Amino acid sequence: MFMVNMHTAKSTLSQLVEEALMGEDVVIARNGKPVARLVAFIPVDTSKLRPIGLGCTGVPLIDNSEFELLSATNPDVYEENPNDPLNE
């Protein structure tokens, strides 16, 4: 890690960026006091990140393969009870 003054950093920015790319931490100072740090940018591999929110993966949250739908095409699953108050 080394420190450079603001004026020197302005005139040698390209060289300072090269130093940062080689792994060196560059501290920029104003009047001898550190105010900023120049480090290399490391891009993030987005393929390894987990998606935010539900349903973003395309995979259903619940496996519905065990359940059969209640419909007229599948009368074995549900038989109407004539005494059921909801059938009125």
N, C-alpha and C. Protein backbone atom coordinates (compact mmCIF):
# COMPACT_ATOMS: atom_id res chain seq x y z
N MET A 1 0.86 -1.18 0.00
CA MET A 1 0.00 0.00 0.00
C MET A 1 0.89 1.23 0.00
N PHE A 2 0.57 2.13 -0.88
CA PHE A 2 1.31 3.39 -0.86
C PHE A 2 0.34 4.55 -1.07
N MET A 3 0.77 5.72 -0.62
CA MET A 3 -0.07 6.90 -0.63
C MET A 3 0.48 7.93 -1.61
N VAL A 4 -0.45 8.52 -2.38
CA VAL A 4 -0.07 9.60 -3.30
C VAL A 4 -0.99 10.78 -3.03
N ASN A 5 -0.47 11.98 -3.29
CA ASN A 5 -1.30 13.17 -3.13
C ASN A 5 -2.25 13.33 -4.31
N MET A 6 -3.27 14.11 -4.14
CA MET A 6 -4.31 14.31 -5.15
C MET A 6 -3.73 14.80 -6.47
N HIS A 7 -2.82 15.77 -6.41
CA HIS A 7 -2.24 16.32 -7.63
C HIS A 7 -1.46 15.25 -8.40
N THR A 8 -0.69 14.44 -7.68
CA THR A 8 0.07 13.36 -8.31
C THR A 8 -0.87 12.31 -8.88
N ALA A 9 -1.96 12.02 -8.17
CA ALA A 9 -2.94 11.02 -8.62
C ALA A 9 -3.61 11.47 -9.92
N LYS A 10 -3.86 12.78 -10.05
CA LYS A 10 -4.47 13.30 -11.28
C LYS A 10 -3.55 13.10 -12.47
N SER A 11 -2.30 13.36 -12.28
CA SER A 11 -1.37 13.31 -13.41
C SER A 11 -0.87 11.89 -13.71
N THR A 12 -0.99 10.97 -12.79
CA THR A 12 -0.50 9.60 -13.01
C THR A 12 -1.59 8.55 -12.81
N LEU A 13 -2.82 8.91 -13.17
CA LEU A 13 -3.94 8.00 -12.93
C LEU A 13 -3.76 6.66 -13.66
N SER A 14 -3.30 6.68 -14.88
CA SER A 14 -3.12 5.43 -15.64
C SER A 14 -2.15 4.50 -14.94
N GLN A 15 -1.07 5.03 -14.44
CA GLN A 15 -0.08 4.21 -13.73
C GLN A 15 -0.66 3.67 -12.43
N LEU A 16 -1.45 4.50 -11.74
CA LEU A 16 -2.05 4.06 -10.48
C LEU A 16 -3.07 2.94 -10.72
N VAL A 17 -3.80 3.04 -11.82
CA VAL A 17 -4.76 1.98 -12.15
C VAL A 17 -4.02 0.68 -12.44
N GLU A 18 -2.91 0.75 -13.14
CA GLU A 18 -2.11 -0.45 -13.41
C GLU A 18 -1.61 -1.07 -12.11
N GLU A 19 -1.18 -0.23 -11.17
CA GLU A 19 -0.75 -0.73 -9.86
C GLU A 19 -1.90 -1.44 -9.15
N ALA A 20 -3.10 -0.85 -9.22
CA ALA A 20 -4.27 -1.46 -8.58
C ALA A 20 -4.60 -2.79 -9.23
N LEU A 21 -4.47 -2.89 -10.56
CA LEU A 21 -4.73 -4.14 -11.26
C LEU A 21 -3.75 -5.24 -10.88
N MET A 22 -2.55 -4.85 -10.47
CA MET A 22 -1.56 -5.83 -10.03
C MET A 22 -1.76 -6.23 -8.56
N GLY A 23 -2.80 -5.68 -7.92
CA GLY A 23 -3.11 -6.06 -6.54
C GLY A 23 -2.65 -5.08 -5.48
N GLU A 24 -2.04 -4.01 -5.90
CA GLU A 24 -1.54 -3.01 -4.95
C GLU A 24 -2.68 -2.07 -4.53
N ASP A 25 -2.77 -1.77 -3.24
CA ASP A 25 -3.73 -0.77 -2.76
C ASP A 25 -3.10 0.60 -2.87
N VAL A 26 -3.80 1.51 -3.53
CA VAL A 26 -3.31 2.88 -3.71
C VAL A 26 -4.21 3.80 -2.91
N VAL A 27 -3.63 4.54 -1.99
CA VAL A 27 -4.38 5.49 -1.17
C VAL A 27 -4.12 6.88 -1.71
N ILE A 28 -5.21 7.62 -1.95
CA ILE A 28 -5.10 9.00 -2.44
C ILE A 28 -5.34 9.93 -1.26
N ALA A 29 -4.45 10.88 -1.09
CA ALA A 29 -4.50 11.77 0.07
C ALA A 29 -4.68 13.21 -0.38
N ARG A 30 -5.30 13.98 0.50
CA ARG A 30 -5.43 15.42 0.31
C ARG A 30 -4.80 16.08 1.53
N ASN A 31 -3.80 16.88 1.28
CA ASN A 31 -3.04 17.54 2.36
C ASN A 31 -2.46 16.53 3.34
N GLY A 32 -2.04 15.39 2.82
CA GLY A 32 -1.40 14.37 3.67
C GLY A 32 -2.36 13.46 4.42
N LYS A 33 -3.68 13.69 4.27
CA LYS A 33 -4.67 12.85 4.96
C LYS A 33 -5.37 11.95 3.94
N PRO A 34 -5.44 10.64 4.21
CA PRO A 34 -6.09 9.72 3.26
C PRO A 34 -7.57 10.04 3.08
N VAL A 35 -8.00 10.10 1.80
CA VAL A 35 -9.40 10.41 1.51
C VAL A 35 -10.04 9.34 0.61
N ALA A 36 -9.24 8.57 -0.13
CA ALA A 36 -9.81 7.57 -1.04
C ALA A 36 -8.81 6.43 -1.22
N ARG A 37 -9.36 5.29 -1.64
CA ARG A 37 -8.52 4.13 -1.90
C ARG A 37 -8.84 3.59 -3.28
N LEU A 38 -7.85 3.30 -4.07
CA LEU A 38 -8.02 2.78 -5.42
C LEU A 38 -7.66 1.30 -5.40
N VAL A 39 -8.65 0.45 -5.72
CA VAL A 39 -8.44 -0.99 -5.76
C VAL A 39 -8.98 -1.52 -7.08
N ALA A 40 -8.55 -2.71 -7.46
CA ALA A 40 -9.01 -3.32 -8.70
C ALA A 40 -10.46 -3.77 -8.56
N PHE A 41 -11.21 -3.65 -9.64
CA PHE A 41 -12.60 -4.11 -9.68
C PHE A 41 -12.60 -5.57 -10.10
N ILE A 42 -13.25 -6.41 -9.30
CA ILE A 42 -13.36 -7.83 -9.61
C ILE A 42 -14.80 -8.12 -9.98
N PRO A 43 -15.10 -8.46 -11.24
CA PRO A 43 -16.48 -8.72 -11.64
C PRO A 43 -17.02 -9.97 -10.95
N VAL A 44 -18.32 -9.96 -10.67
CA VAL A 44 -18.99 -11.07 -9.99
C VAL A 44 -19.55 -12.02 -11.04
N ASP A 45 -19.35 -13.33 -10.83
CA ASP A 45 -19.92 -14.33 -11.73
C ASP A 45 -21.40 -14.48 -11.39
N THR A 46 -22.28 -13.90 -12.21
CA THR A 46 -23.71 -13.90 -11.91
C THR A 46 -24.36 -15.26 -12.07
N SER A 47 -23.69 -16.20 -12.72
CA SER A 47 -24.30 -17.53 -12.89
C SER A 47 -24.34 -18.29 -11.57
N LYS A 48 -23.55 -17.89 -10.58
CA LYS A 48 -23.53 -18.58 -9.30
C LYS A 48 -24.40 -17.90 -8.25
N LEU A 49 -25.00 -16.77 -8.61
CA LEU A 49 -25.85 -16.06 -7.66
C LEU A 49 -27.24 -16.67 -7.63
N ARG A 50 -27.86 -16.65 -6.47
CA ARG A 50 -29.21 -17.15 -6.33
C ARG A 50 -30.19 -16.07 -6.75
N PRO A 51 -31.25 -16.40 -7.50
CA PRO A 51 -32.20 -15.37 -7.91
C PRO A 51 -32.97 -14.82 -6.72
N ILE A 52 -33.37 -13.57 -6.84
CA ILE A 52 -34.11 -12.91 -5.77
C ILE A 52 -35.60 -13.14 -6.01
N GLY A 53 -36.33 -13.42 -4.95
CA GLY A 53 -37.78 -13.59 -5.05
C GLY A 53 -38.19 -15.03 -5.30
N LEU A 54 -39.48 -15.24 -5.26
CA LEU A 54 -40.02 -16.58 -5.47
C LEU A 54 -40.41 -16.76 -6.92
N GLY A 55 -40.29 -17.96 -7.41
CA GLY A 55 -40.72 -18.27 -8.75
C GLY A 55 -39.78 -17.81 -9.84
N CYS A 56 -38.61 -17.36 -9.50
CA CYS A 56 -37.67 -16.87 -10.50
C CYS A 56 -36.92 -18.01 -11.19
N THR A 57 -36.91 -19.19 -10.60
CA THR A 57 -36.10 -20.27 -11.14
C THR A 57 -36.84 -21.10 -12.18
N GLY A 58 -38.16 -20.99 -12.27
CA GLY A 58 -38.92 -21.82 -13.18
C GLY A 58 -39.26 -23.18 -12.59
N VAL A 59 -38.71 -23.49 -11.43
CA VAL A 59 -39.00 -24.74 -10.75
C VAL A 59 -40.15 -24.49 -9.79
N PRO A 60 -41.23 -25.31 -9.85
CA PRO A 60 -42.35 -25.06 -8.93
C PRO A 60 -41.93 -25.24 -7.48
N LEU A 61 -42.53 -24.45 -6.61
CA LEU A 61 -42.21 -24.52 -5.19
C LEU A 61 -42.79 -25.77 -4.55
N ILE A 62 -43.91 -26.26 -5.09
CA ILE A 62 -44.58 -27.44 -4.55
C ILE A 62 -44.69 -28.46 -5.66
N ASP A 63 -44.41 -29.71 -5.34
CA ASP A 63 -44.56 -30.79 -6.32
C ASP A 63 -46.01 -31.25 -6.30
N ASN A 64 -46.76 -30.93 -7.36
CA ASN A 64 -48.17 -31.26 -7.44
C ASN A 64 -48.43 -32.61 -8.09
N SER A 65 -47.40 -33.38 -8.34
CA SER A 65 -47.59 -34.63 -9.07
C SER A 65 -48.37 -35.65 -8.26
N GLU A 66 -48.41 -35.52 -6.93
CA GLU A 66 -49.12 -36.50 -6.11
C GLU A 66 -50.61 -36.20 -6.02
N PHE A 67 -51.02 -35.01 -6.39
CA PHE A 67 -52.41 -34.62 -6.25
C PHE A 67 -53.14 -34.71 -7.58
N GLU A 68 -54.37 -35.17 -7.52
CA GLU A 68 -55.20 -35.23 -8.72
C GLU A 68 -56.18 -34.07 -8.69
N LEU A 69 -56.51 -33.58 -9.86
CA LEU A 69 -57.45 -32.47 -9.93
C LEU A 69 -58.88 -32.98 -9.74
N LEU A 70 -59.69 -32.21 -9.07
CA LEU A 70 -61.10 -32.53 -8.90
C LEU A 70 -61.85 -31.98 -10.11
N SER A 71 -62.30 -32.86 -10.96
CA SER A 71 -62.99 -32.40 -12.15
C SER A 71 -63.99 -33.44 -12.61
N ALA A 72 -64.78 -33.08 -13.59
CA ALA A 72 -65.76 -34.02 -14.14
C ALA A 72 -65.06 -35.14 -14.90
N THR A 73 -63.85 -34.92 -15.36
CA THR A 73 -63.14 -35.97 -16.08
C THR A 73 -62.55 -37.02 -15.16
N ASN A 74 -62.55 -36.75 -13.86
CA ASN A 74 -62.00 -37.68 -12.88
C ASN A 74 -63.01 -37.88 -11.75
N PRO A 75 -64.12 -38.61 -12.01
CA PRO A 75 -65.18 -38.73 -11.00
C PRO A 75 -64.82 -39.61 -9.83
N ASP A 76 -63.76 -40.42 -9.93
CA ASP A 76 -63.39 -41.30 -8.83
C ASP A 76 -62.83 -40.54 -7.64
N VAL A 77 -62.34 -39.37 -7.86
CA VAL A 77 -61.71 -38.61 -6.80
C VAL A 77 -62.76 -37.98 -5.88
N TYR A 78 -63.82 -37.48 -6.46
CA TYR A 78 -64.81 -36.77 -5.65
C TYR A 78 -66.21 -37.18 -6.09
N GLU A 79 -66.97 -37.63 -5.15
CA GLU A 79 -68.37 -37.96 -5.44
C GLU A 79 -69.24 -36.97 -4.70
N GLU A 80 -70.19 -36.42 -5.39
CA GLU A 80 -71.07 -35.44 -4.80
C GLU A 80 -72.00 -36.09 -3.80
N ASN A 81 -72.13 -35.49 -2.66
CA ASN A 81 -73.02 -35.97 -1.62
C ASN A 81 -74.29 -35.12 -1.68
N PRO A 82 -75.44 -35.74 -1.89
CA PRO A 82 -76.65 -34.94 -1.99
C PRO A 82 -77.02 -34.23 -0.69
N ASN A 83 -76.50 -34.69 0.44
CA ASN A 83 -76.82 -34.06 1.73
C ASN A 83 -75.84 -32.94 2.09
N ASP A 84 -74.89 -32.66 1.22
CA ASP A 84 -73.90 -31.63 1.48
C ASP A 84 -74.55 -30.25 1.34
N PRO A 85 -74.49 -29.41 2.38
CA PRO A 85 -75.15 -28.08 2.30
C PRO A 85 -74.51 -27.17 1.28
N LEU A 86 -73.30 -27.42 0.85
CA LEU A 86 -72.66 -26.56 -0.14
C LEU A 86 -73.17 -26.82 -1.54
N ASN A 87 -73.90 -27.90 -1.76
CA ASN A 87 -74.42 -28.22 -3.09
C ASN A 87 -75.73 -27.52 -3.41
N GLU A 88 -76.28 -26.79 -2.51
CA GLU A 88 -77.58 -26.14 -2.73
C GLU A 88 -77.48 -24.94 -3.63
